[in-house]
Amino acid sequence: MTRPLIGVSAYVEPAGWAVWRDVPAVLVPEAYVRAVTAAGGRAVVLPPDDRDADVLRVLDGLILAGGADVDPARYGQLPAPRTESRPDRDAGELTLLTAALDVGLPVLGICRGMQLLAVAYGGVLHQHLPEVIGHDGHRPAPGVYGTHPVRFAPGSLARAVMAGVDRVNSYHHQGVADPGRLTVTGWADDGVVEAVEDPDRPFVLGVQWHPENEADPRPVAALVRAGRDRALGYLRG
């Protein structure tokens, strides 16, 4: 069979290249594409678009990428001073996510993507983690990743995917306060939620760190395998 097609949600942000400066551009860090490709998949970049989710007909899996904060209105709060949201991303990604869950498409939420998963499942976020945990270790400085210990719940999808891993990277200032209908299956050493999943579905996983920037991006590889297995199941059926 052909490589599994993995959708990766993208940003619209001002960008510059060649002679162009501050041009609105659809973009996503290449690390996501490299991780999907290395795992045997083909990445399909998905700009924000909430008209429909028809593209899912050709996809084998969906990655909700990191980025700006989820609009607090989505979970019944007003924005805090440090919250920077992108409502267009929220609308487009929630359209895709809702449809992906309806058809059983494998889903991986990364950083913001995990937080969006939690909100979609009725959860609530901490809008600024340092005010809750008392330190900046999860985002030490602009553009600088932190690292910290992590543990996973026995018998969970997160534990199976991350077997043998006890440290992950970190770059976020928000976190999951209430996972809604999801199950928390990973924690940092300070108690911050690091993984959530839906145990009633074959592959719906959220991770708070950035596996695409790890030397061994296991969650991305696991999503690609889940997409391939789903496609093979349809072919056999």
C-alpha atoms as a PDB file:
ATOM      1  CA  MET A   1       0.000   0.000   0.000  1.00  0.00           C
ATOM      2  CA  THR A   2       1.032   3.661  -0.328  1.00  0.00           C
ATOM      3  CA  ARG A   3       2.361   5.605   2.616  1.00  0.00           C
ATOM      4  CA  PRO A   4      -0.281   6.613   5.177  1.00  0.00           C
ATOM      5  CA  LEU A   5      -1.456  10.199   4.658  1.00  0.00           C
ATOM      6  CA  ILE A   6      -1.177  12.137   7.911  1.00  0.00           C
ATOM      7  CA  GLY A   7      -2.820  15.549   8.177  1.00  0.00           C
ATOM      8  CA  VAL A   8      -0.905  18.145  10.203  1.00  0.00           C
ATOM      9  CA  SER A   9      -2.791  21.258  11.278  1.00  0.00           C
ATOM     10  CA  ALA A  10      -1.003  24.487  10.354  1.00  0.00           C
ATOM     11  CA  TYR A  11      -0.752  28.118  11.402  1.00  0.00           C
ATOM     12  CA  VAL A  12      -1.479  31.343   9.575  1.00  0.00           C
ATOM     13  CA  GLU A  13       1.241  33.747  10.708  1.00  0.00           C
ATOM     14  CA  PRO A  14       3.271  36.638   9.255  1.00  0.00           C
ATOM     15  CA  ALA A  15       6.423  35.230   7.648  1.00  0.00           C
ATOM     16  CA  GLY A  16       9.313  36.339   5.510  1.00  0.00           C
ATOM     17  CA  TRP A  17      11.348  34.732   2.736  1.00  0.00           C
ATOM     18  CA  ALA A  18      13.422  35.989  -0.208  1.00  0.00           C
ATOM     19  CA  VAL A  19      12.228  39.573  -0.850  1.00  0.00           C
ATOM     20  CA  TRP A  20       8.937  39.130   1.021  1.00  0.00           C
ATOM     21  CA  ARG A  21       8.416  40.370   4.590  1.00  0.00           C
ATOM     22  CA  ASP A  22       5.481  39.986   6.959  1.00  0.00           C
ATOM     23  CA  VAL A  23       3.362  38.117   4.441  1.00  0.00           C
ATOM     24  CA  PRO A  24       0.481  36.060   5.913  1.00  0.00           C
ATOM     25  CA  ALA A  25       1.583  32.470   5.363  1.00  0.00           C
ATOM     26  CA  VAL A  26       0.308  28.981   6.069  1.00  0.00           C
ATOM     27  CA  LEU A  27       3.133  27.230   7.858  1.00  0.00           C
ATOM     28  CA  VAL A  28       4.119  24.540  10.310  1.00  0.00           C
ATOM     29  CA  PRO A  29       7.614  23.693  11.618  1.00  0.00           C
ATOM     30  CA  GLU A  30       9.320  21.225   9.307  1.00  0.00           C
ATOM     31  CA  ALA A  31      10.049  18.999  12.301  1.00  0.00           C
ATOM     32  CA  TYR A  32       6.467  17.685  12.109  1.00  0.00           C
ATOM     33  CA  VAL A  33       6.887  16.760   8.456  1.00  0.00           C
ATOM     34  CA  ARG A  34      10.276  15.138   9.077  1.00  0.00           C
ATOM     35  CA  ALA A  35       8.871  13.064  11.941  1.00  0.00           C
ATOM     36  CA  VAL A  36       5.930  11.839   9.850  1.00  0.00           C
ATOM     37  CA  THR A  37       8.206  11.038   6.901  1.00  0.00           C
ATOM     38  CA  ALA A  38      10.733   9.213   9.092  1.00  0.00           C
ATOM     39  CA  ALA A  39       7.896   7.064  10.453  1.00  0.00           C
ATOM     40  CA  GLY A  40       6.856   6.011   6.950  1.00  0.00           C
ATOM     41  CA  GLY A  41       3.997   8.426   6.384  1.00  0.00           C
ATOM     42  CA  ARG A  42       3.369  11.374   4.077  1.00  0.00           C
ATOM     43  CA  ALA A  43       2.492  14.668   5.753  1.00  0.00           C
ATOM     44  CA  VAL A  44      -0.399  16.758   4.410  1.00  0.00           C
ATOM     45  CA  VAL A  45      -0.364  20.327   5.755  1.00  0.00           C
ATOM     46  CA  LEU A  46      -3.858  21.559   6.660  1.00  0.00           C
ATOM     47  CA  PRO A  47      -4.492  25.322   6.897  1.00  0.00           C
ATOM     48  CA  PRO A  48      -7.250  26.611   9.198  1.00  0.00           C
ATOM     49  CA  ASP A  49     -10.594  25.945   7.485  1.00  0.00           C
ATOM     50  CA  ASP A  50     -13.892  25.373   9.272  1.00  0.00           C
ATOM     51  CA  ARG A  51     -16.159  25.024   6.205  1.00  0.00           C
ATOM     52  CA  ASP A  52     -16.105  21.235   6.310  1.00  0.00           C
ATOM     53  CA  ALA A  53     -13.912  18.241   7.114  1.00  0.00           C
ATOM     54  CA  ASP A  54     -14.072  16.564   3.689  1.00  0.00           C
ATOM     55  CA  VAL A  55     -10.282  16.219   3.564  1.00  0.00           C
ATOM     56  CA  LEU A  56     -10.515  13.482   6.190  1.00  0.00           C
ATOM     57  CA  ARG A  57     -11.822  11.129   3.488  1.00  0.00           C
ATOM     58  CA  VAL A  58      -8.283  10.764   2.161  1.00  0.00           C
ATOM     59  CA  LEU A  59      -6.375  10.918   5.456  1.00  0.00           C
ATOM     60  CA  ASP A  60      -5.223   8.010   7.597  1.00  0.00           C
ATOM     61  CA  GLY A  61      -4.403  10.055  10.706  1.00  0.00           C
ATOM     62  CA  LEU A  62      -4.504  13.581  12.123  1.00  0.00           C
ATOM     63  CA  ILE A  63      -1.908  15.561  14.097  1.00  0.00           C
ATOM     64  CA  LEU A  64      -3.094  18.655  15.946  1.00  0.00           C
ATOM     65  CA  ALA A  65       0.119  20.679  16.084  1.00  0.00           C
ATOM     66  CA  GLY A  66       1.432  23.024  18.749  1.00  0.00           C
ATOM     67  CA  GLY A  67       1.142  26.786  18.650  1.00  0.00           C
ATOM     68  CA  ALA A  68      -0.804  29.642  20.214  1.00  0.00           C
ATOM     69  CA  ASP A  69      -3.290  29.274  23.055  1.00  0.00           C
ATOM     70  CA  VAL A  70      -6.826  27.934  22.722  1.00  0.00           C
ATOM     71  CA  ASP A  71      -9.421  30.694  23.053  1.00  0.00           C
ATOM     72  CA  PRO A  72     -10.572  30.600  26.719  1.00  0.00           C
ATOM     73  CA  ALA A  73     -14.131  31.250  25.580  1.00  0.00           C
ATOM     74  CA  ARG A  74     -14.083  27.635  24.391  1.00  0.00           C
ATOM     75  CA  TYR A  75     -13.953  26.513  28.014  1.00  0.00           C
ATOM     76  CA  GLY A  76     -15.992  29.269  29.616  1.00  0.00           C
ATOM     77  CA  GLN A  77     -13.300  31.703  30.755  1.00  0.00           C
ATOM     78  CA  LEU A  78     -12.158  35.210  29.911  1.00  0.00           C
ATOM     79  CA  PRO A  79      -8.607  35.548  28.558  1.00  0.00           C
ATOM     80  CA  ALA A  80      -5.853  36.098  31.104  1.00  0.00           C
ATOM     81  CA  PRO A  81      -3.224  38.801  30.397  1.00  0.00           C
ATOM     82  CA  ARG A  82      -0.677  36.343  28.936  1.00  0.00           C
ATOM     83  CA  THR A  83      -3.128  34.358  26.807  1.00  0.00           C
ATOM     84  CA  GLU A  84      -2.637  34.722  23.047  1.00  0.00           C
ATOM     85  CA  SER A  85      -5.256  32.814  21.066  1.00  0.00           C
ATOM     86  CA  ARG A  86      -5.931  32.098  17.385  1.00  0.00           C
ATOM     87  CA  PRO A  87      -9.703  31.651  16.957  1.00  0.00           C
ATOM     88  CA  ASP A  88      -9.298  30.647  13.297  1.00  0.00           C
ATOM     89  CA  ARG A  89      -7.156  27.689  14.311  1.00  0.00           C
ATOM     90  CA  ASP A  90      -9.607  26.689  17.033  1.00  0.00           C
ATOM     91  CA  ALA A  91     -12.520  26.679  14.586  1.00  0.00           C
ATOM     92  CA  GLY A  92     -10.699  24.791  11.846  1.00  0.00           C
ATOM     93  CA  GLU A  93      -9.078  22.223  14.102  1.00  0.00           C
ATOM     94  CA  LEU A  94     -12.229  21.532  16.091  1.00  0.00           C
ATOM     95  CA  THR A  95     -14.083  20.959  12.819  1.00  0.00           C
ATOM     96  CA  LEU A  96     -11.463  18.385  11.826  1.00  0.00           C
ATOM     97  CA  LEU A  97     -11.273  16.839  15.286  1.00  0.00           C
ATOM     98  CA  THR A  98     -15.021  16.390  15.662  1.00  0.00           C
ATOM     99  CA  ALA A  99     -15.258  14.668  12.284  1.00  0.00           C
ATOM    100  CA  ALA A 100     -12.132  12.574  12.939  1.00  0.00           C
ATOM    101  CA  LEU A 101     -13.642  11.248  16.154  1.00  0.00           C
ATOM    102  CA  ASP A 102     -16.898  10.481  14.346  1.00  0.00           C
ATOM    103  CA  VAL A 103     -15.138   8.270  11.788  1.00  0.00           C
ATOM    104  CA  GLY A 104     -12.552   6.733  14.117  1.00  0.00           C
ATOM    105  CA  LEU A 105      -9.502   8.387  12.585  1.00  0.00           C
ATOM    106  CA  PRO A 106      -6.323   8.123  14.724  1.00  0.00           C
ATOM    107  CA  VAL A 107      -5.596  11.492  16.379  1.00  0.00           C
ATOM    108  CA  LEU A 108      -2.454  12.811  18.065  1.00  0.00           C
ATOM    109  CA  GLY A 109      -2.547  16.173  19.833  1.00  0.00           C
ATOM    110  CA  ILE A 110       0.825  17.810  20.487  1.00  0.00           C
ATOM    111  CA  CYS A 111       1.216  20.596  23.101  1.00  0.00           C
ATOM    112  CA  ARG A 112      -1.570  23.030  22.083  1.00  0.00           C
ATOM    113  CA  GLY A 113      -3.094  20.036  20.291  1.00  0.00           C
ATOM    114  CA  MET A 114      -3.383  18.128  23.572  1.00  0.00           C
ATOM    115  CA  GLN A 115      -4.984  21.156  25.192  1.00  0.00           C
ATOM    116  CA  LEU A 116      -7.452  21.457  22.311  1.00  0.00           C
ATOM    117  CA  LEU A 117      -8.297  17.762  22.718  1.00  0.00           C
ATOM    118  CA  ALA A 118      -9.061  18.332  26.396  1.00  0.00           C
ATOM    119  CA  VAL A 119     -11.276  21.326  25.610  1.00  0.00           C
ATOM    120  CA  ALA A 120     -13.115  19.355  22.912  1.00  0.00           C
ATOM    121  CA  TYR A 121     -13.816  16.680  25.514  1.00  0.00           C
ATOM    122  CA  GLY A 122     -15.274  19.222  27.948  1.00  0.00           C
ATOM    123  CA  GLY A 123     -12.095  20.061  29.839  1.00  0.00           C
ATOM    124  CA  VAL A 124     -10.548  23.268  31.192  1.00  0.00           C
ATOM    125  CA  LEU A 125      -7.035  24.725  30.939  1.00  0.00           C
ATOM    126  CA  HIS A 126      -4.668  26.554  33.264  1.00  0.00           C
ATOM    127  CA  GLN A 127      -4.077  29.795  31.359  1.00  0.00           C
ATOM    128  CA  HIS A 128      -0.620  30.414  32.863  1.00  0.00           C
ATOM    129  CA  LEU A 129       1.108  27.486  34.537  1.00  0.00           C
ATOM    130  CA  PRO A 130       3.763  29.440  36.472  1.00  0.00           C
ATOM    131  CA  GLU A 131       0.956  30.960  38.549  1.00  0.00           C
ATOM    132  CA  VAL A 132      -0.170  27.435  39.452  1.00  0.00           C
ATOM    133  CA  ILE A 133       3.094  25.527  39.912  1.00  0.00           C
ATOM    134  CA  GLY A 134       5.374  28.387  40.922  1.00  0.00           C
ATOM    135  CA  HIS A 135       8.127  28.055  38.313  1.00  0.00           C
ATOM    136  CA  ASP A 136       8.935  28.582  34.612  1.00  0.00           C
ATOM    137  CA  GLY A 137      10.501  25.179  34.008  1.00  0.00           C
ATOM    138  CA  HIS A 138       8.036  24.181  31.291  1.00  0.00           C
ATOM    139  CA  ARG A 139       9.044  27.219  29.179  1.00  0.00           C
ATOM    140  CA  PRO A 140      12.350  28.486  30.553  1.00  0.00           C
ATOM    141  CA  ALA A 141      12.820  31.316  28.024  1.00  0.00           C
ATOM    142  CA  PRO A 142      11.538  32.368  24.590  1.00  0.00           C
ATOM    143  CA  GLY A 143      12.563  29.698  22.091  1.00  0.00           C
ATOM    144  CA  VAL A 144      14.273  27.577  24.762  1.00  0.00           C
ATOM    145  CA  TYR A 145      13.003  24.082  25.578  1.00  0.00           C
ATOM    146  CA  GLY A 146      13.097  22.713  29.086  1.00  0.00           C
ATOM    147  CA  THR A 147      13.312  19.047  30.055  1.00  0.00           C
ATOM    148  CA  HIS A 148      11.797  17.204  32.988  1.00  0.00           C
ATOM    149  CA  PRO A 149      10.986  13.726  34.286  1.00  0.00           C
ATOM    150  CA  VAL A 150       7.743  12.093  33.206  1.00  0.00           C
ATOM    151  CA  ARG A 151       5.777   9.022  34.284  1.00  0.00           C
ATOM    152  CA  PHE A 152       2.913   7.180  32.623  1.00  0.00           C
ATOM    153  CA  ALA A 153      -0.039   5.169  33.920  1.00  0.00           C
ATOM    154  CA  PRO A 154       0.412   1.381  33.726  1.00  0.00           C
ATOM    155  CA  GLY A 155      -1.679  -0.200  30.986  1.00  0.00           C
ATOM    156  CA  SER A 156      -2.204   3.082  29.142  1.00  0.00           C
ATOM    157  CA  LEU A 157      -1.611   3.851  25.478  1.00  0.00           C
ATOM    158  CA  ALA A 158       0.881   6.516  26.549  1.00  0.00           C
ATOM    159  CA  ARG A 159       2.846   3.957  28.587  1.00  0.00           C
ATOM    160  CA  ALA A 160       2.896   1.508  25.668  1.00  0.00           C
ATOM    161  CA  VAL A 161       4.052   4.185  23.226  1.00  0.00           C
ATOM    162  CA  MET A 162       6.688   5.661  25.554  1.00  0.00           C
ATOM    163  CA  ALA A 163       8.010   2.447  27.157  1.00  0.00           C
ATOM    164  CA  GLY A 164      11.405   3.115  28.709  1.00  0.00           C
ATOM    165  CA  VAL A 165      11.222   6.930  28.395  1.00  0.00           C
ATOM    166  CA  ASP A 166      11.443   8.881  31.646  1.00  0.00           C
ATOM    167  CA  ARG A 167      12.256  12.431  30.424  1.00  0.00           C
ATOM    168  CA  VAL A 168      10.672  14.653  27.772  1.00  0.00           C
ATOM    169  CA  ASN A 169      11.170  18.162  26.441  1.00  0.00           C
ATOM    170  CA  SER A 170       8.902  21.060  27.312  1.00  0.00           C
ATOM    171  CA  TYR A 171       7.784  24.384  25.829  1.00  0.00           C
ATOM    172  CA  HIS A 172       4.408  25.641  27.019  1.00  0.00           C
ATOM    173  CA  HIS A 173       2.943  28.123  29.471  1.00  0.00           C
ATOM    174  CA  GLN A 174      -0.550  26.599  29.658  1.00  0.00           C
ATOM    175  CA  GLY A 175      -1.680  23.155  30.735  1.00  0.00           C
ATOM    176  CA  VAL A 176      -4.647  20.899  31.323  1.00  0.00           C
ATOM    177  CA  ALA A 177      -6.485  21.644  34.568  1.00  0.00           C
ATOM    178  CA  ASP A 178      -9.433  19.310  33.907  1.00  0.00           C
ATOM    179  CA  PRO A 179      -9.278  16.707  31.105  1.00  0.00           C
ATOM    180  CA  GLY A 180     -13.053  16.485  30.718  1.00  0.00           C
ATOM    181  CA  ARG A 181     -14.004  13.037  29.446  1.00  0.00           C
ATOM    182  CA  LEU A 182     -10.405  12.126  28.644  1.00  0.00           C
ATOM    183  CA  THR A 183      -8.219  10.065  30.961  1.00  0.00           C
ATOM    184  CA  VAL A 184      -4.967  11.519  32.279  1.00  0.00           C
ATOM    185  CA  THR A 185      -2.189   8.970  31.717  1.00  0.00           C
ATOM    186  CA  GLY A 186       1.024  11.008  32.009  1.00  0.00           C
ATOM    187  CA  TRP A 187       2.448  13.452  34.556  1.00  0.00           C
ATOM    188  CA  ALA A 188       5.552  15.573  35.004  1.00  0.00           C
ATOM    189  CA  ASP A 189       7.389  15.407  38.323  1.00  0.00           C
ATOM    190  CA  ASP A 190       5.598  18.600  39.441  1.00  0.00           C
ATOM    191  CA  GLY A 191       2.166  17.115  38.687  1.00  0.00           C
ATOM    192  CA  VAL A 192       1.558  18.895  35.381  1.00  0.00           C
ATOM    193  CA  VAL A 193      -0.541  16.749  33.033  1.00  0.00           C
ATOM    194  CA  GLU A 194       1.695  15.377  30.259  1.00  0.00           C
ATOM    195  CA  ALA A 195      -0.567  12.864  28.480  1.00  0.00           C
ATOM    196  CA  VAL A 196      -4.299  12.321  27.999  1.00  0.00           C
ATOM    197  CA  GLU A 197      -6.162   9.715  26.007  1.00  0.00           C
ATOM    198  CA  ASP A 198      -9.572   8.278  25.204  1.00  0.00           C
ATOM    199  CA  PRO A 199      -9.442   4.634  26.281  1.00  0.00           C
ATOM    200  CA  ASP A 200     -12.651   3.898  24.386  1.00  0.00           C
ATOM    201  CA  ARG A 201     -11.018   4.599  21.023  1.00  0.00           C
ATOM    202  CA  PRO A 202      -8.139   2.808  19.305  1.00  0.00           C
ATOM    203  CA  PHE A 203      -5.875   5.878  19.083  1.00  0.00           C
ATOM    204  CA  VAL A 204      -6.749   9.267  20.531  1.00  0.00           C
ATOM    205  CA  LEU A 205      -3.690  10.545  22.395  1.00  0.00           C
ATOM    206  CA  GLY A 206      -2.527  13.947  23.546  1.00  0.00           C
ATOM    207  CA  VAL A 207       1.011  14.729  24.697  1.00  0.00           C
ATOM    208  CA  GLN A 208       2.081  18.005  26.278  1.00  0.00           C
ATOM    209  CA  TRP A 209       5.682  17.861  25.034  1.00  0.00           C
ATOM    210  CA  HIS A 210       7.019  18.151  21.467  1.00  0.00           C
ATOM    211  CA  PRO A 211       7.922  14.659  20.213  1.00  0.00           C
ATOM    212  CA  GLU A 212       8.597  16.002  16.716  1.00  0.00           C
ATOM    213  CA  ASN A 213      11.683  17.694  18.213  1.00  0.00           C
ATOM    214  CA  GLU A 214      12.914  14.590  20.033  1.00  0.00           C
ATOM    215  CA  ALA A 215      15.520  12.240  18.582  1.00  0.00           C
ATOM    216  CA  ASP A 216      12.995   9.400  19.014  1.00  0.00           C
ATOM    217  CA  PRO A 217       9.540  10.843  18.155  1.00  0.00           C
ATOM    218  CA  ARG A 218       7.585   7.803  19.330  1.00  0.00           C
ATOM    219  CA  PRO A 219       4.079   9.314  19.500  1.00  0.00           C
ATOM    220  CA  VAL A 220       4.312  10.414  15.853  1.00  0.00           C
ATOM    221  CA  ALA A 221       5.555   6.977  14.795  1.00  0.00           C
ATOM    222  CA  ALA A 222       2.732   5.348  16.771  1.00  0.00           C
ATOM    223  CA  LEU A 223       0.152   7.552  15.020  1.00  0.00           C
ATOM    224  CA  VAL A 224       1.543   6.628  11.596  1.00  0.00           C
ATOM    225  CA  ARG A 225       1.350   2.923  12.523  1.00  0.00           C
ATOM    226  CA  ALA A 226      -2.227   3.370  13.726  1.00  0.00           C
ATOM    227  CA  GLY A 227      -3.108   5.088  10.443  1.00  0.00           C
ATOM    228  CA  ARG A 228      -1.505   2.290   8.441  1.00  0.00           C
ATOM    229  CA  ASP A 229      -3.323  -0.379  10.466  1.00  0.00           C
ATOM    230  CA  ARG A 230      -6.649   1.404   9.952  1.00  0.00           C
ATOM    231  CA  ALA A 231      -6.063   1.658   6.205  1.00  0.00           C
ATOM    232  CA  LEU A 232      -5.094  -2.006   5.983  1.00  0.00           C
ATOM    233  CA  GLY A 233      -8.230  -2.922   7.897  1.00  0.00           C
ATOM    234  CA  TYR A 234     -10.360  -1.104   5.342  1.00  0.00           C
ATOM    235  CA  LEU A 235      -8.520  -2.812   2.478  1.00  0.00           C
ATOM    236  CA  ARG A 236      -9.037  -6.238   4.017  1.00  0.00           C
ATOM    237  CA  GLY A 237     -12.669  -5.458   4.753  1.00  0.00           C
END
